[in-house]
């Protein structure tokens, strides 16, 4: 890695998924206030995330298809009512 191209606070950070507790250690410059011991036994600055690849429907294969046709029809009905006024 090239020297002196990263910010001073670029360090390994433990990202914890708050929905299932999954942990990821990724180099980052994110501001943290807490520290936590990771599964490898080392202490890291910790940052909580609401969703990660461990819980996101796209990555877990639990995607839900949206009823886009129904949404489009409702939008067209609202637009027709508005244009009449």
PDB file of N, CA and C in Angstrom:
ATOM      1  N   UNK A   1       0.846  -1.171   0.000  1.00  0.00           N
ATOM      2  CA  UNK A   1       0.000   0.000   0.000  1.00  0.00           C
ATOM      3  C   UNK A   1       0.896   1.240   0.000  1.00  0.00           C
ATOM      4  N   UNK A   2       0.494   2.245  -0.750  1.00  0.00           N
ATOM      5  CA  UNK A   2       1.273   3.480  -0.816  1.00  0.00           C
ATOM      6  C   UNK A   2       1.231   4.202   0.521  1.00  0.00           C
ATOM      7  N   UNK A   3       2.335   4.808   0.872  1.00  0.00           N
ATOM      8  CA  UNK A   3       2.421   5.540   2.129  1.00  0.00           C
ATOM      9  C   UNK A   3       1.865   6.953   1.943  1.00  0.00           C
ATOM     10  N   UNK A   4       1.304   7.491   3.025  1.00  0.00           N
ATOM     11  CA  UNK A   4       0.837   8.869   3.122  1.00  0.00           C
ATOM     12  C   UNK A   4      -0.300   9.233   2.164  1.00  0.00           C
ATOM     13  N   UNK A   5      -1.113   8.255   1.743  1.00  0.00           N
ATOM     14  CA  UNK A   5      -2.276   8.605   0.930  1.00  0.00           C
ATOM     15  C   UNK A   5      -3.581   8.459   1.714  1.00  0.00           C
ATOM     16  N   UNK A   6      -3.531   7.778   2.872  1.00  0.00           N
ATOM     17  CA  UNK A   6      -4.729   7.600   3.682  1.00  0.00           C
ATOM     18  C   UNK A   6      -4.749   8.614   4.821  1.00  0.00           C
ATOM     19  N   UNK A   7      -5.962   8.981   5.282  1.00  0.00           N
ATOM     20  CA  UNK A   7      -6.070   9.894   6.423  1.00  0.00           C
ATOM     21  C   UNK A   7      -5.439   9.273   7.678  1.00  0.00           C
ATOM     22  N   UNK A   8      -5.137  10.115   8.649  1.00  0.00           N
ATOM     23  CA  UNK A   8      -4.502   9.658   9.882  1.00  0.00           C
ATOM     24  C   UNK A   8      -5.381   8.696  10.677  1.00  0.00           C
ATOM     25  N   UNK A   9      -6.701   8.877  10.613  1.00  0.00           N
ATOM     26  CA  UNK A   9      -7.593   8.038  11.411  1.00  0.00           C
ATOM     27  C   UNK A   9      -8.092   6.803  10.643  1.00  0.00           C
ATOM     28  N   UNK A  10      -7.418   6.392   9.592  1.00  0.00           N
ATOM     29  CA  UNK A  10      -7.761   5.190   8.831  1.00  0.00           C
ATOM     30  C   UNK A  10      -7.261   3.977   9.602  1.00  0.00           C
ATOM     31  N   UNK A  11      -8.203   3.169  10.133  1.00  0.00           N
ATOM     32  CA  UNK A  11      -7.846   2.048  10.981  1.00  0.00           C
ATOM     33  C   UNK A  11      -8.907   0.959  10.873  1.00  0.00           C
ATOM     34  N   UNK A  12      -8.618  -0.256  11.345  1.00  0.00           N
ATOM     35  CA  UNK A  12      -9.646  -1.308  11.341  1.00  0.00           C
ATOM     36  C   UNK A  12     -10.768  -0.949  12.318  1.00  0.00           C
ATOM     37  N   UNK A  13     -12.008  -1.094  11.868  1.00  0.00           N
ATOM     38  CA  UNK A  13     -13.175  -0.788  12.695  1.00  0.00           C
ATOM     39  C   UNK A  13     -14.095  -2.004  12.681  1.00  0.00           C
ATOM     40  N   UNK A  14     -14.671  -2.319  13.826  1.00  0.00           N
ATOM     41  CA  UNK A  14     -15.623  -3.414  13.953  1.00  0.00           C
ATOM     42  C   UNK A  14     -17.024  -2.864  13.701  1.00  0.00           C
ATOM     43  N   UNK A  15     -17.644  -3.296  12.616  1.00  0.00           N
ATOM     44  CA  UNK A  15     -19.016  -2.911  12.303  1.00  0.00           C
ATOM     45  C   UNK A  15     -19.926  -4.027  12.795  1.00  0.00           C
ATOM     46  N   UNK A  16     -20.935  -3.678  13.605  1.00  0.00           N
ATOM     47  CA  UNK A  16     -21.845  -4.655  14.183  1.00  0.00           C
ATOM     48  C   UNK A  16     -23.248  -4.386  13.661  1.00  0.00           C
ATOM     49  N   UNK A  17     -23.849  -5.410  13.036  1.00  0.00           N
ATOM     50  CA  UNK A  17     -25.217  -5.319  12.528  1.00  0.00           C
ATOM     51  C   UNK A  17     -26.162  -5.434  13.721  1.00  0.00           C
ATOM     52  N   UNK A  18     -26.930  -4.383  13.981  1.00  0.00           N
ATOM     53  CA  UNK A  18     -27.780  -4.364  15.179  1.00  0.00           C
ATOM     54  C   UNK A  18     -28.967  -5.317  15.080  1.00  0.00           C
ATOM     55  N   UNK A  19     -29.337  -5.771  13.887  1.00  0.00           N
ATOM     56  CA  UNK A  19     -30.498  -6.655  13.780  1.00  0.00           C
ATOM     57  C   UNK A  19     -30.173  -8.116  14.064  1.00  0.00           C
ATOM     58  N   UNK A  20     -28.939  -8.559  13.795  1.00  0.00           N
ATOM     59  CA  UNK A  20     -28.621  -9.960  14.089  1.00  0.00           C
ATOM     60  C   UNK A  20     -27.259 -10.164  14.759  1.00  0.00           C
ATOM     61  N   UNK A  21     -26.517  -9.094  14.990  1.00  0.00           N
ATOM     62  CA  UNK A  21     -25.247  -9.204  15.701  1.00  0.00           C
ATOM     63  C   UNK A  21     -24.059  -9.607  14.845  1.00  0.00           C
ATOM     64  N   UNK A  22     -24.218  -9.662  13.533  1.00  0.00           N
ATOM     65  CA  UNK A  22     -23.100 -10.018  12.654  1.00  0.00           C
ATOM     66  C   UNK A  22     -22.006  -8.965  12.774  1.00  0.00           C
ATOM     67  N   UNK A  23     -20.749  -9.409  12.730  1.00  0.00           N
ATOM     68  CA  UNK A  23     -19.611  -8.501  12.897  1.00  0.00           C
ATOM     69  C   UNK A  23     -18.719  -8.528  11.662  1.00  0.00           C
ATOM     70  N   UNK A  24     -18.248  -7.350  11.264  1.00  0.00           N
ATOM     71  CA  UNK A  24     -17.343  -7.196  10.133  1.00  0.00           C
ATOM     72  C   UNK A  24     -16.216  -6.264  10.540  1.00  0.00           C
ATOM     73  N   UNK A  25     -14.990  -6.625  10.254  1.00  0.00           N
ATOM     74  CA  UNK A  25     -13.850  -5.750  10.526  1.00  0.00           C
ATOM     75  C   UNK A  25     -13.386  -5.203   9.186  1.00  0.00           C
ATOM     76  N   UNK A  26     -13.520  -3.882   9.033  1.00  0.00           N
ATOM     77  CA  UNK A  26     -13.211  -3.216   7.774  1.00  0.00           C
ATOM     78  C   UNK A  26     -12.419  -1.954   8.086  1.00  0.00           C
ATOM     79  N   UNK A  27     -11.345  -1.665   7.348  1.00  0.00           N
ATOM     80  CA  UNK A  27     -10.641  -0.392   7.545  1.00  0.00           C
ATOM     81  C   UNK A  27     -11.563   0.772   7.192  1.00  0.00           C
ATOM     82  N   UNK A  28     -11.584   1.791   8.051  1.00  0.00           N
ATOM     83  CA  UNK A  28     -12.495   2.909   7.853  1.00  0.00           C
ATOM     84  C   UNK A  28     -11.997   4.141   8.603  1.00  0.00           C
ATOM     85  N   UNK A  29     -12.598   5.284   8.278  1.00  0.00           N
ATOM     86  CA  UNK A  29     -12.316   6.533   8.983  1.00  0.00           C
ATOM     87  C   UNK A  29     -13.533   6.996   9.782  1.00  0.00           C
ATOM     88  N   UNK A  30     -14.553   6.146   9.899  1.00  0.00           N
ATOM     89  CA  UNK A  30     -15.778   6.517  10.592  1.00  0.00           C
ATOM     90  C   UNK A  30     -15.472   6.878  12.054  1.00  0.00           C
ATOM     91  N   UNK A  31     -16.167   7.898  12.551  1.00  0.00           N
ATOM     92  CA  UNK A  31     -15.991   8.326  13.945  1.00  0.00           C
ATOM     93  C   UNK A  31     -16.713   7.340  14.863  1.00  0.00           C
ATOM     94  N   UNK A  32     -16.015   6.877  15.892  1.00  0.00           N
ATOM     95  CA  UNK A  32     -16.598   5.919  16.828  1.00  0.00           C
ATOM     96  C   UNK A  32     -16.431   6.417  18.255  1.00  0.00           C
ATOM     97  N   UNK A  33     -17.332   5.960  19.123  1.00  0.00           N
ATOM     98  CA  UNK A  33     -17.258   6.335  20.530  1.00  0.00           C
ATOM     99  C   UNK A  33     -17.034   5.123  21.415  1.00  0.00           C
ATOM    100  N   UNK A  34     -17.341   3.931  20.913  1.00  0.00           N
ATOM    101  CA  UNK A  34     -17.255   2.713  21.709  1.00  0.00           C
ATOM    102  C   UNK A  34     -16.188   1.779  21.161  1.00  0.00           C
ATOM    103  N   UNK A  35     -15.762   0.850  21.987  1.00  0.00           N
ATOM    104  CA  UNK A  35     -14.868  -0.216  21.550  1.00  0.00           C
ATOM    105  C   UNK A  35     -15.483  -1.541  21.962  1.00  0.00           C
ATOM    106  N   UNK A  36     -15.108  -2.594  21.247  1.00  0.00           N
ATOM    107  CA  UNK A  36     -15.642  -3.920  21.549  1.00  0.00           C
ATOM    108  C   UNK A  36     -14.619  -4.965  21.156  1.00  0.00           C
ATOM    109  N   UNK A  37     -14.603  -6.057  21.885  1.00  0.00           N
ATOM    110  CA  UNK A  37     -13.713  -7.161  21.577  1.00  0.00           C
ATOM    111  C   UNK A  37     -14.367  -8.015  20.492  1.00  0.00           C
ATOM    112  N   UNK A  38     -13.658  -8.230  19.400  1.00  0.00           N
ATOM    113  CA  UNK A  38     -14.187  -9.019  18.289  1.00  0.00           C
ATOM    114  C   UNK A  38     -13.990 -10.506  18.540  1.00  0.00           C
ATOM    115  N   UNK A  39     -14.474 -11.317  17.624  1.00  0.00           N
ATOM    116  CA  UNK A  39     -14.357 -12.766  17.759  1.00  0.00           C
ATOM    117  C   UNK A  39     -12.908 -13.233  17.738  1.00  0.00           C
ATOM    118  N   UNK A  40     -12.022 -12.430  17.124  1.00  0.00           N
ATOM    119  CA  UNK A  40     -10.608 -12.804  17.084  1.00  0.00           C
ATOM    120  C   UNK A  40      -9.875 -12.463  18.384  1.00  0.00           C
ATOM    121  N   UNK A  41     -10.582 -11.866  19.356  1.00  0.00           N
ATOM    122  CA  UNK A  41     -10.011 -11.562  20.662  1.00  0.00           C
ATOM    123  C   UNK A  41      -9.385 -10.186  20.780  1.00  0.00           C
ATOM    124  N   UNK A  42      -9.291  -9.446  19.683  1.00  0.00           N
ATOM    125  CA  UNK A  42      -8.701  -8.105  19.725  1.00  0.00           C
ATOM    126  C   UNK A  42      -9.788  -7.060  19.965  1.00  0.00           C
ATOM    127  N   UNK A  43      -9.382  -5.949  20.546  1.00  0.00           N
ATOM    128  CA  UNK A  43     -10.288  -4.830  20.809  1.00  0.00           C
ATOM    129  C   UNK A  43     -10.239  -3.858  19.625  1.00  0.00           C
ATOM    130  N   UNK A  44     -11.419  -3.475  19.124  1.00  0.00           N
ATOM    131  CA  UNK A  44     -11.524  -2.567  17.978  1.00  0.00           C
ATOM    132  C   UNK A  44     -12.495  -1.441  18.292  1.00  0.00           C
ATOM    133  N   UNK A  45     -12.347  -0.291  17.626  1.00  0.00           N
ATOM    134  CA  UNK A  45     -13.405   0.723  17.695  1.00  0.00           C
ATOM    135  C   UNK A  45     -14.666   0.119  17.064  1.00  0.00           C
ATOM    136  N   UNK A  46     -15.838   0.349  17.663  1.00  0.00           N
ATOM    137  CA  UNK A  46     -17.069  -0.281  17.190  1.00  0.00           C
ATOM    138  C   UNK A  46     -18.035   0.752  16.627  1.00  0.00           C
ATOM    139  N   UNK A  47     -18.708   0.368  15.537  1.00  0.00           N
ATOM    140  CA  UNK A  47     -19.732   1.206  14.914  1.00  0.00           C
ATOM    141  C   UNK A  47     -20.936   0.323  14.622  1.00  0.00           C
ATOM    142  N   UNK A  48     -22.122   0.708  15.105  1.00  0.00           N
ATOM    143  CA  UNK A  48     -23.353  -0.056  14.867  1.00  0.00           C
ATOM    144  C   UNK A  48     -23.968   0.356  13.534  1.00  0.00           C
ATOM    145  N   UNK A  49     -24.409  -0.625  12.760  1.00  0.00           N
ATOM    146  CA  UNK A  49     -25.134  -0.383  11.515  1.00  0.00           C
ATOM    147  C   UNK A  49     -26.495  -1.052  11.620  1.00  0.00           C
ATOM    148  N   UNK A  50     -27.498  -0.481  10.974  1.00  0.00           N
ATOM    149  CA  UNK A  50     -28.848  -1.033  11.044  1.00  0.00           C
ATOM    150  C   UNK A  50     -29.021  -2.234  10.134  1.00  0.00           C
ATOM    151  N   UNK A  51     -28.333  -2.234   9.000  1.00  0.00           N
ATOM    152  CA  UNK A  51     -28.480  -3.323   8.042  1.00  0.00           C
ATOM    153  C   UNK A  51     -27.150  -3.550   7.349  1.00  0.00           C
ATOM    154  N   UNK A  52     -26.845  -4.795   7.064  1.00  0.00           N
ATOM    155  CA  UNK A  52     -25.599  -5.141   6.380  1.00  0.00           C
ATOM    156  C   UNK A  52     -25.889  -6.239   5.370  1.00  0.00           C
ATOM    157  N   UNK A  53     -24.859  -6.740   4.736  1.00  0.00           N
ATOM    158  CA  UNK A  53     -25.058  -7.809   3.771  1.00  0.00           C
ATOM    159  C   UNK A  53     -25.568  -9.088   4.442  1.00  0.00           C
ATOM    160  N   UNK A  54     -25.392  -9.207   5.743  1.00  0.00           N
ATOM    161  CA  UNK A  54     -25.878 -10.385   6.464  1.00  0.00           C
ATOM    162  C   UNK A  54     -27.388 -10.368   6.645  1.00  0.00           C
ATOM    163  N   UNK A  55     -28.008  -9.180   6.582  1.00  0.00           N
ATOM    164  CA  UNK A  55     -29.449  -9.090   6.811  1.00  0.00           C
ATOM    165  C   UNK A  55     -30.218  -8.425   5.680  1.00  0.00           C
ATOM    166  N   UNK A  56     -29.553  -7.863   4.700  1.00  0.00           N
ATOM    167  CA  UNK A  56     -30.245  -7.195   3.602  1.00  0.00           C
ATOM    168  C   UNK A  56     -30.940  -8.231   2.720  1.00  0.00           C
ATOM    169  N   UNK A  57     -32.205  -8.020   2.378  1.00  0.00           N
ATOM    170  CA  UNK A  57     -32.953  -9.006   1.590  1.00  0.00           C
ATOM    171  C   UNK A  57     -32.297  -9.355   0.247  1.00  0.00           C
ATOM    172  N   UNK A  58     -31.633  -8.424  -0.378  1.00  0.00           N
ATOM    173  CA  UNK A  58     -30.997  -8.712  -1.661  1.00  0.00           C
ATOM    174  C   UNK A  58     -29.914  -9.781  -1.506  1.00  0.00           C
ATOM    175  N   UNK A  59     -29.122  -9.686  -0.444  1.00  0.00           N
ATOM    176  CA  UNK A  59     -28.016 -10.622  -0.235  1.00  0.00           C
ATOM    177  C   UNK A  59     -28.457 -11.925   0.411  1.00  0.00           C
ATOM    178  N   UNK A  60     -29.555 -11.919   1.159  1.00  0.00           N
ATOM    179  CA  UNK A  60     -30.005 -13.125   1.842  1.00  0.00           C
ATOM    180  C   UNK A  60     -30.932 -13.969   0.978  1.00  0.00           C
ATOM    181  N   UNK A  61     -31.360 -13.425  -0.175  1.00  0.00           N
ATOM    182  CA  UNK A  61     -32.248 -14.182  -1.053  1.00  0.00           C
ATOM    183  C   UNK A  61     -33.699 -14.132  -0.632  1.00  0.00           C
ATOM    184  N   UNK A  62     -34.051 -13.229   0.252  1.00  0.00           N
ATOM    185  CA  UNK A  62     -35.422 -13.114   0.729  1.00  0.00           C
ATOM    186  C   UNK A  62     -36.078 -11.857   0.183  1.00  0.00           C
ATOM    187  N   UNK A  63     -35.792 -11.564  -1.073  1.00  0.00           N
ATOM    188  CA  UNK A  63     -36.361 -10.377  -1.695  1.00  0.00           C
ATOM    189  C   UNK A  63     -37.869 -10.510  -1.825  1.00  0.00           C
ATOM    190  N   UNK A  64     -38.553  -9.403  -1.713  1.00  0.00           N
ATOM    191  CA  UNK A  64     -39.991  -9.365  -1.919  1.00  0.00           C
ATOM    192  C   UNK A  64     -40.241  -8.575  -3.199  1.00  0.00           C
ATOM    193  N   UNK A  65     -41.081  -9.111  -4.054  1.00  0.00           N
ATOM    194  CA  UNK A  65     -41.399  -8.359  -5.262  1.00  0.00           C
ATOM    195  C   UNK A  65     -42.530  -7.391  -4.936  1.00  0.00           C
ATOM    196  N   UNK A  66     -42.398  -6.188  -5.413  1.00  0.00           N
ATOM    197  CA  UNK A  66     -43.393  -5.154  -5.138  1.00  0.00           C
ATOM    198  C   UNK A  66     -44.477  -5.186  -6.200  1.00  0.00           C
ATOM    199  N   UNK A  67     -45.654  -4.822  -5.800  1.00  0.00           N
ATOM    200  CA  UNK A  67     -46.776  -4.747  -6.726  1.00  0.00           C
ATOM    201  C   UNK A  67     -46.700  -3.416  -7.457  1.00  0.00           C
ATOM    202  N   UNK A  68     -45.829  -3.336  -8.448  1.00  0.00           N
ATOM    203  CA  UNK A  68     -45.640  -2.068  -9.157  1.00  0.00           C
ATOM    204  C   UNK A  68     -46.828  -1.726 -10.028  1.00  0.00           C
ATOM    205  N   UNK A  69     -47.499  -2.736 -10.565  1.00  0.00           N
ATOM    206  CA  UNK A  69     -48.657  -2.456 -11.419  1.00  0.00           C
ATOM    207  C   UNK A  69     -49.753  -1.777 -10.604  1.00  0.00           C
ATOM    208  N   UNK A  70     -50.003  -2.228  -9.401  1.00  0.00           N
ATOM    209  CA  UNK A  70     -51.014  -1.609  -8.552  1.00  0.00           C
ATOM    210  C   UNK A  70     -50.646  -0.190  -8.183  1.00  0.00           C
ATOM    211  N   UNK A  71     -49.377   0.055  -7.951  1.00  0.00           N
ATOM    212  CA  UNK A  71     -48.924   1.405  -7.623  1.00  0.00           C
ATOM    213  C   UNK A  71     -49.111   2.345  -8.803  1.00  0.00           C
ATOM    214  N   UNK A  72     -48.782   1.866  -9.987  1.00  0.00           N
ATOM    215  CA  UNK A  72     -48.913   2.695 -11.186  1.00  0.00           C
ATOM    216  C   UNK A  72     -50.369   3.048 -11.423  1.00  0.00           C
ATOM    217  N   UNK A  73     -51.255   2.066 -11.271  1.00  0.00           N
ATOM    218  CA  UNK A  73     -52.677   2.318 -11.474  1.00  0.00           C
ATOM    219  C   UNK A  73     -53.204   3.342 -10.467  1.00  0.00           C
ATOM    220  N   UNK A  74     -52.819   3.215  -9.209  1.00  0.00           N
ATOM    221  CA  UNK A  74     -53.268   4.190  -8.203  1.00  0.00           C
ATOM    222  C   UNK A  74     -52.749   5.590  -8.531  1.00  0.00           C
ATOM    223  N   UNK A  75     -51.491   5.673  -8.998  1.00  0.00           N
ATOM    224  CA  UNK A  75     -50.931   6.970  -9.368  1.00  0.00           C
ATOM    225  C   UNK A  75     -51.711   7.581 -10.523  1.00  0.00           C
ATOM    226  N   UNK A  76     -52.027   6.781 -11.519  1.00  0.00           N
ATOM    227  CA  UNK A  76     -52.779   7.293 -12.679  1.00  0.00           C
ATOM    228  C   UNK A  76     -54.166   7.770 -12.267  1.00  0.00           C
ATOM    229  N   UNK A  77     -54.799   7.053 -11.339  1.00  0.00           N
ATOM    230  CA  UNK A  77     -56.121   7.476 -10.859  1.00  0.00           C
ATOM    231  C   UNK A  77     -56.029   8.810 -10.127  1.00  0.00           C
ATOM    232  N   UNK A  78     -55.026   8.964  -9.285  1.00  0.00           N
ATOM    233  CA  UNK A  78     -54.858  10.236  -8.571  1.00  0.00           C
ATOM    234  C   UNK A  78     -54.562  11.367  -9.552  1.00  0.00           C
ATOM    235  N   UNK A  79     -53.742  11.084 -10.546  1.00  0.00           N
ATOM    236  CA  UNK A  79     -53.395  12.103 -11.539  1.00  0.00           C
ATOM    237  C   UNK A  79     -54.615  12.509 -12.349  1.00  0.00           C
ATOM    238  N   UNK A  80     -55.475  11.555 -12.688  1.00  0.00           N
ATOM    239  CA  UNK A  80     -56.702  11.856 -13.441  1.00  0.00           C
ATOM    240  C   UNK A  80     -57.638  12.737 -12.617  1.00  0.00           C
ATOM    241  N   UNK A  81     -57.766  12.442 -11.321  1.00  0.00           N
ATOM    242  CA  UNK A  81     -58.609  13.272 -10.456  1.00  0.00           C
ATOM    243  C   UNK A  81     -58.066  14.681 -10.338  1.00  0.00           C
ATOM    244  N   UNK A  82     -56.761  14.805 -10.227  1.00  0.00           N
ATOM    245  CA  UNK A  82     -56.149  16.127 -10.079  1.00  0.00           C
ATOM    246  C   UNK A  82     -56.284  16.943 -11.358  1.00  0.00           C
ATOM    247  N   UNK A  83     -56.192  16.296 -12.518  1.00  0.00           N
ATOM    248  CA  UNK A  83     -56.270  17.058 -13.777  1.00  0.00           C
ATOM    249  C   UNK A  83     -57.704  17.513 -14.058  1.00  0.00           C
ATOM    250  N   UNK A  84     -58.710  16.842 -13.499  1.00  0.00           N
ATOM    251  CA  UNK A  84     -60.100  17.256 -13.682  1.00  0.00           C
ATOM    252  C   UNK A  84     -60.408  18.543 -12.933  1.00  0.00           C
ATOM    253  N   UNK A  85     -59.685  18.785 -11.829  1.00  0.00           N
ATOM    254  CA  UNK A  85     -59.942  19.973 -11.001  1.00  0.00           C
ATOM    255  C   UNK A  85     -59.335  21.165 -11.578  1.00  0.00           C
TER     256      UNK A  85
END
